[in-house]
Structures are given as C-alpha cells and as structure tokens.
Protein backbone atom coordinates (compact mmCIF):
# COMPACT_ATOMS: atom_id res chain seq x y z
CA MET A 1 -34.21 -13.55 -43.71
CA CYS A 2 -30.55 -14.72 -43.94
CA GLY A 3 -30.24 -18.14 -43.86
CA ARG A 4 -26.76 -18.44 -45.56
CA TYR A 5 -23.96 -15.94 -44.88
CA VAL A 6 -19.81 -16.33 -44.40
CA MET A 7 -17.87 -16.21 -41.84
CA ALA A 8 -14.06 -17.04 -42.79
CA LYS A 9 -11.69 -14.98 -40.90
CA THR A 10 -9.23 -16.26 -38.25
CA THR A 11 -10.34 -16.65 -35.24
CA ALA A 12 -7.63 -13.40 -34.31
CA ASP A 13 -9.22 -10.73 -36.40
CA LEU A 14 -12.47 -12.25 -35.34
CA VAL A 15 -10.97 -11.47 -32.03
CA ALA A 16 -9.40 -8.63 -32.35
CA GLU A 17 -12.38 -6.51 -34.30
CA ALA A 18 -15.07 -7.47 -32.06
CA GLU A 19 -13.06 -6.17 -29.11
CA ALA A 20 -13.62 -9.09 -27.21
CA GLU A 21 -11.38 -11.96 -25.39
CA ALA A 22 -11.81 -15.36 -26.80
CA ASP A 23 -13.17 -18.58 -25.13
CA ALA A 24 -10.60 -21.17 -23.42
CA ASN A 25 -11.54 -23.70 -26.11
CA LEU A 26 -12.91 -21.14 -28.72
CA GLU A 27 -12.15 -23.12 -32.03
CA LEU A 28 -13.54 -21.79 -35.28
CA ARG A 29 -14.35 -22.82 -38.36
CA GLN A 30 -13.51 -21.34 -41.69
CA SER A 31 -16.00 -21.72 -44.14
CA TRP A 32 -18.74 -19.64 -47.04
CA ASN A 33 -21.41 -21.18 -46.49
CA VAL A 34 -22.56 -21.24 -43.46
CA ALA A 35 -26.05 -22.56 -42.79
CA PRO A 36 -28.43 -23.12 -40.16
CA THR A 37 -28.02 -25.24 -37.50
CA SER A 38 -24.27 -24.82 -37.71
CA ASP A 39 -21.77 -23.60 -35.61
CA VAL A 40 -21.08 -20.00 -35.61
CA PRO A 41 -19.43 -17.83 -33.61
CA VAL A 42 -21.15 -15.50 -31.25
CA VAL A 43 -20.23 -12.24 -29.11
CA LEU A 44 -22.05 -11.89 -26.03
CA GLU A 45 -20.58 -10.27 -22.61
CA ARG A 46 -20.72 -12.03 -19.46
CA TYR A 47 -19.94 -11.33 -15.52
CA ILE A 48 -16.52 -12.63 -14.56
CA GLY A 49 -16.52 -13.16 -10.29
CA GLY A 50 -13.89 -14.17 -8.37
CA PRO A 51 -10.97 -12.51 -6.28
CA VAL A 52 -11.28 -9.94 -8.64
CA ASN A 53 -14.72 -8.50 -10.72
CA ARG A 54 -14.06 -7.64 -13.96
CA GLY A 55 -17.88 -6.91 -14.48
CA PRO A 56 -19.27 -7.80 -17.97
CA VAL A 57 -16.86 -9.16 -19.97
CA ARG A 58 -16.60 -9.07 -23.91
CA GLN A 59 -16.12 -12.71 -25.16
CA VAL A 60 -16.22 -15.02 -28.58
CA HIS A 61 -17.88 -18.36 -28.42
CA VAL A 62 -19.62 -20.57 -31.09
CA ALA A 63 -22.64 -21.71 -30.91
CA GLN A 64 -25.09 -23.90 -32.66
CA TRP A 65 -27.01 -21.44 -35.24
CA GLY A 66 -30.07 -21.66 -34.56
CA LEU A 67 -32.08 -21.09 -30.87
CA VAL A 68 -33.04 -23.34 -28.34
CA PRO A 69 -34.50 -22.67 -25.34
CA GLY A 70 -33.90 -24.11 -22.63
CA TRP A 71 -37.69 -25.18 -22.03
CA ALA A 72 -37.55 -27.23 -25.29
CA LYS A 73 -38.04 -30.94 -25.00
CA ASP A 74 -35.43 -31.78 -27.77
CA ALA A 75 -32.44 -29.26 -29.60
CA SER A 76 -34.17 -30.39 -33.38
CA ALA A 77 -36.34 -26.91 -32.00
CA GLY A 78 -33.54 -24.53 -33.03
CA ALA A 79 -33.94 -26.31 -36.09
CA ARG A 80 -37.27 -23.92 -36.87
CA ALA A 81 -35.28 -20.38 -34.82
CA PHE A 82 -32.65 -20.13 -37.11
CA ASN A 83 -33.68 -16.66 -37.06
CA ALA A 84 -35.94 -14.36 -34.33
CA ARG A 85 -38.93 -11.01 -36.15
CA SER A 86 -38.43 -7.92 -34.41
CA GLU A 87 -41.47 -6.70 -34.72
CA THR A 88 -42.60 -10.32 -32.18
CA VAL A 89 -39.36 -11.18 -30.97
CA LEU A 90 -40.65 -9.83 -27.35
CA GLU A 91 -43.64 -11.74 -26.95
CA LYS A 92 -42.65 -15.03 -29.29
CA PRO A 93 -42.42 -17.74 -26.65
CA THR A 94 -39.02 -18.89 -27.86
CA PHE A 95 -37.69 -15.83 -27.86
CA ARG A 96 -38.68 -13.56 -24.75
CA ASP A 97 -36.85 -14.37 -22.29
CA ALA A 98 -33.88 -14.32 -24.08
CA VAL A 99 -33.87 -11.51 -26.00
CA VAL A 100 -33.82 -10.08 -21.96
CA SER A 101 -30.77 -10.74 -21.07
CA ARG A 102 -29.30 -13.26 -23.11
CA ARG A 103 -28.17 -10.26 -26.47
CA CYS A 104 -25.69 -11.27 -28.70
CA ALA A 105 -23.93 -9.66 -31.98
CA VAL A 106 -23.36 -12.70 -34.53
CA PRO A 107 -20.62 -11.96 -36.94
CA VAL A 108 -20.47 -12.38 -40.42
CA GLN A 109 -18.37 -11.26 -43.27
CA GLY A 110 -21.37 -11.27 -46.11
CA TYR A 111 -24.52 -12.81 -46.53
CA TYR A 112 -26.97 -15.11 -49.42
CA GLU A 113 -29.88 -13.95 -50.01
CA TRP A 114 -31.78 -14.81 -53.45
CA LYS A 115 -34.21 -12.98 -55.94
CA SER A 116 -36.03 -14.20 -57.54
CA GLY A 117 -36.72 -14.37 -61.82
CA PRO A 118 -38.76 -15.15 -64.14
CA GLY A 119 -41.66 -18.17 -63.14
CA LYS A 120 -39.37 -19.75 -60.24
CA THR A 121 -35.88 -19.33 -60.83
CA LYS A 122 -33.87 -17.03 -58.40
CA ARG A 123 -30.19 -16.38 -58.35
CA PRO A 124 -28.01 -15.49 -56.00
CA HIS A 125 -26.68 -12.84 -54.87
CA TYR A 126 -24.12 -12.54 -52.39
CA VAL A 127 -24.04 -8.76 -49.47
CA ARG A 128 -21.27 -7.78 -47.26
CA ARG A 129 -20.00 -3.96 -45.58
CA ALA A 130 -17.71 -2.54 -48.99
CA ASP A 131 -15.31 -1.54 -47.04
CA GLY A 132 -14.86 -5.38 -46.23
CA ALA A 133 -15.11 -5.49 -42.38
CA LEU A 134 -16.95 -7.54 -40.20
CA THR A 135 -20.80 -6.96 -40.20
CA PHE A 136 -22.33 -7.40 -36.59
CA PHE A 137 -25.86 -8.54 -36.63
CA ALA A 138 -28.30 -8.71 -34.34
CA GLY A 139 -29.28 -11.64 -31.99
CA LEU A 140 -29.70 -13.85 -28.75
CA TYR A 141 -28.94 -17.01 -27.11
CA GLU A 142 -29.98 -19.37 -25.52
CA TRP A 143 -28.07 -21.95 -23.57
CA TRP A 144 -30.29 -25.67 -23.11
CA ARG A 145 -29.35 -28.58 -21.23
CA ASP A 146 -30.37 -32.19 -22.86
CA PRO A 147 -31.77 -33.98 -19.94
CA ALA A 148 -30.14 -37.40 -21.80
CA LYS A 149 -26.60 -36.74 -20.84
CA ALA A 150 -25.23 -36.68 -16.92
CA PRO A 151 -24.55 -33.28 -15.27
CA GLY A 152 -21.06 -32.24 -16.31
CA GLU A 153 -20.62 -34.48 -19.19
CA PRO A 154 -19.97 -33.29 -22.25
CA GLY A 155 -22.18 -32.09 -24.07
CA SER A 156 -24.56 -31.65 -21.80
CA TRP A 157 -25.36 -27.72 -21.93
CA LEU A 158 -25.63 -26.67 -25.74
CA LEU A 159 -24.81 -22.71 -26.56
CA SER A 160 -27.82 -21.85 -29.50
CA THR A 161 -28.20 -18.17 -31.16
CA SER A 162 -30.61 -16.31 -33.17
CA ILE A 163 -30.35 -13.25 -36.05
CA LEU A 164 -32.93 -10.80 -35.60
CA THR A 165 -34.74 -9.59 -38.87
CA THR A 166 -36.70 -6.71 -39.57
CA ALA A 167 -38.70 -5.95 -43.22
CA ALA A 168 -36.58 -4.61 -45.96
CA PRO A 169 -36.42 -1.51 -47.23
CA ASP A 170 -39.65 0.08 -49.74
CA PRO A 171 -37.43 0.93 -53.58
CA GLU A 172 -40.08 3.31 -53.99
CA VAL A 173 -39.32 5.38 -50.66
CA ILE A 174 -35.66 4.86 -51.14
CA ARG A 175 -35.73 6.24 -54.33
CA SER A 176 -38.05 8.82 -54.23
CA ALA A 177 -36.32 10.17 -51.31
CA GLY A 178 -33.09 10.06 -52.79
CA GLN A 179 -31.89 7.90 -50.00
CA PRO A 180 -28.78 5.12 -51.22
CA GLU A 181 -29.72 3.32 -54.43
CA VAL A 182 -27.81 -0.02 -51.98
CA LEU A 183 -31.31 -0.30 -49.56
CA ALA A 184 -33.64 0.04 -52.63
CA GLU A 185 -31.69 -2.88 -54.56
CA LEU A 186 -32.03 -5.29 -50.76
CA GLY A 187 -35.34 -4.23 -50.39
CA GLU A 188 -35.72 -5.86 -54.10
CA LEU A 189 -33.99 -9.00 -53.41
CA HIS A 190 -36.35 -9.20 -50.20
CA ASP A 191 -38.56 -8.77 -47.85
CA ARG A 192 -36.62 -9.16 -45.05
CA LEU A 193 -33.44 -8.36 -43.60
CA PRO A 194 -31.13 -8.85 -40.94
CA MET A 195 -30.76 -6.85 -39.02
CA PRO A 196 -27.23 -4.99 -38.59
CA LEU A 197 -25.31 -2.89 -35.22
CA SER A 198 -23.05 -0.65 -35.64
CA ARG A 199 -20.23 -0.08 -32.09
CA ASP A 200 -22.51 2.11 -30.24
CA THR A 201 -25.06 0.02 -30.14
CA MET A 202 -23.63 -3.45 -30.14
CA ALA A 203 -21.90 -2.07 -26.83
CA ALA A 204 -25.76 -1.03 -25.90
CA TRP A 205 -26.79 -5.10 -27.37
CA LEU A 206 -24.59 -6.99 -25.66
CA ASP A 207 -25.19 -5.42 -22.22
CA PRO A 208 -26.75 -7.55 -19.89
CA ALA A 209 -27.49 -5.17 -17.60
CA ALA A 210 -29.05 -2.63 -20.13
CA PRO A 211 -33.27 -2.31 -17.86
CA ASN A 212 -35.35 -2.25 -21.65
CA ALA A 213 -35.25 -5.09 -23.75
CA GLY A 214 -37.40 -3.49 -25.19
CA ALA A 215 -35.96 -0.08 -26.97
CA LEU A 216 -32.63 -1.92 -26.98
CA VAL A 217 -34.81 -3.92 -30.32
CA ARG A 218 -36.13 0.26 -30.95
CA ARG A 219 -33.10 1.15 -30.71
CA VAL A 220 -31.12 -1.05 -33.69
CA LEU A 221 -34.73 -1.42 -35.81
CA ALA A 222 -34.42 2.37 -35.76
CA GLU A 223 -30.58 2.43 -37.09
CA ALA A 224 -30.69 -0.84 -39.28
CA HIS A 225 -31.19 0.69 -42.75
CA GLY A 226 -28.95 3.87 -41.65
CA GLU A 227 -26.11 0.56 -41.42
CA ALA A 228 -27.15 -1.75 -44.14
CA ALA A 229 -26.21 1.73 -46.17
CA ARG A 230 -22.25 0.59 -45.99
CA TRP A 231 -23.71 -2.77 -48.10
CA THR A 232 -23.24 -3.44 -51.22
CA LEU A 233 -24.60 -6.44 -53.42
CA ASN A 234 -22.88 -9.35 -56.36
CA GLU A 235 -24.74 -11.79 -57.60
CA VAL A 236 -22.85 -15.09 -57.59
CA GLY A 237 -22.94 -18.46 -58.68
CA PRO A 238 -25.92 -21.23 -58.24
CA ALA A 239 -23.38 -23.81 -56.22
CA VAL A 240 -23.83 -21.24 -53.30
CA GLY A 241 -27.36 -23.72 -52.90
CA SER A 242 -25.94 -26.50 -52.13
CA VAL A 243 -24.30 -27.26 -48.37
CA ARG A 244 -21.68 -29.36 -50.11
CA ASN A 245 -20.25 -26.25 -51.32
CA ASP A 246 -17.81 -24.30 -49.61
CA GLY A 247 -15.17 -22.60 -50.56
CA PRO A 248 -13.55 -19.05 -51.90
CA GLU A 249 -15.20 -19.68 -54.72
CA LEU A 250 -18.92 -19.57 -54.31
CA LEU A 251 -18.01 -15.20 -53.68
CA ALA A 252 -16.87 -15.19 -57.98
CA ALA A 253 -19.39 -14.04 -60.42
CA PRO A 254 -21.81 -16.71 -62.60
CA THR A 255 -19.99 -17.38 -65.88
CA PRO A 256 -21.60 -19.38 -68.85
CA GLU A 257 -19.57 -22.56 -66.54
CA THR A 258 -20.98 -22.12 -63.43
CA GLY A 259 -24.41 -20.98 -64.28
CA ALA A 260 -25.48 -17.80 -66.24
CA GLU A 261 -28.12 -17.84 -66.99
CA PRO A 262 -31.66 -17.88 -63.95
CA ALA A 263 -30.70 -21.16 -61.07
CA LEU A 264 -34.02 -23.27 -59.77
CA PHE A 265 -33.47 -23.34 -56.04
C-alpha cells in the first residue's frame, strides 16, 4: 500500500531526473507528507501535433492523487482510488480504461508505512532508495470533466492519478532464498507494496501506443521486487501520522521527545 509519501524536489530537479519537459503552467509544492487527494506531480507521454509532429513527448503535470474515472458523477470518487491493485487493474471499472492507454509514473523520494506492534500500536517507517534517487511508481491517470462548470472554464477538467500496488515479498521465502534482507523487512512492514519502475520499463509503461496493457502490467510485476531491493527503510517519529505536519523534520529518527514508544495511529 502507499498512503503517504515525500516529494520535495524542485521542479528543475524532477524534470531532469524524469528526462521530461515541464507543463507550461507547472507549479510544484514541496511536501514531506503527501496524502491522498493532494496535488502531486506525474510523468506521462502525450502526442504533440502541429506543423512538426514530435510524436509522444514526455511531460510532467500536476494531478490529484486519487483517480476519478471519466464516468464518475463527482470528483469525490477519487478519495477511494488512490491505489490500484495490480491483480485486478485490468478488470475493475475504475481503472480498466486508464490502464490501456493512460499510464503514468508517480515520482517519489520515499514513502511512509506503519508497522504493527503490540496491541493496536503502529510504528511509522520511511522507505526510500538507498542511493537517494527518485523512485517512479507505476501509475494511471484520467481526465474528468466537471459537469457543474462551463466548457473552457478554469477547473472544468480534473487530471487525477492512482498508484499500482502488488503483494509484498514473503519474509520467510526471501530469507530462505538468501535474497536481500530489505525485501524481508518490506514484507514484515506491510502486505502490499507500491510498484516501482525500472528506467527501461518506465519507457515502455509510459508509451500511450503500447499494444498490450496486460503484458506491461506483468512486466512491472516481474521487476517490482528486484527494484524494491534498492530501497532502505528506517523508523521515523509519530508526527507523520497527522497531515497537519509537513517538513523535513518528519524524516528524523524518533527520540524520547518525539515518541520513541509505539504510537497509536
């Protein structure tokens, strides 16, 4: 699962690392506690027409995190669709059209997950690439037309996105096979895992003309655990549990002052 993450890169850094162009009106807000329904950057490819046919162009746009299908009656549908299960994404009405031709990548510096402790306690952990590079999650996007607004009126179209997830590694299988310990730790952290893209697979995933969405989903699935082996995780303080808290201090390890004891969430 992915329910909170960090994306605090500058626009220039994100565009460079994504090897993309910035949308003309792109405005990114740094956040160390991104929550569903927030505005987030997404990387997608679209065809640019005109006198010179440029073919598919990779761009960075801002989308609402929580996918709103075109047939939804109102935008509140997105609050329930910030993640998409890879096992059912090809069949679920909310996602099945987007996965065919509206695939994107969601860039993150890392994400938060809560590890269950004694009783009902949970300890938040921050998961990120060990080398500090961005992770690009496999995502979907949709355009939704607001029927309450006139065509062409500002805000009449909403761009939204969702992140694909898969089953987390089985810790016992990982350890018995001598695979990287971080995979076992991820399996102990949560039973779901947001699906990271390798650079090669990201290029194929973003291609709007790719002919076989099912094959692409299987390709991302096949690589997900291998890409996740690049991650590292560390415990952080309980302040991340509130969306009112947002700053780089959220990434610090817990202390007796910030909450070394398990925090209720």
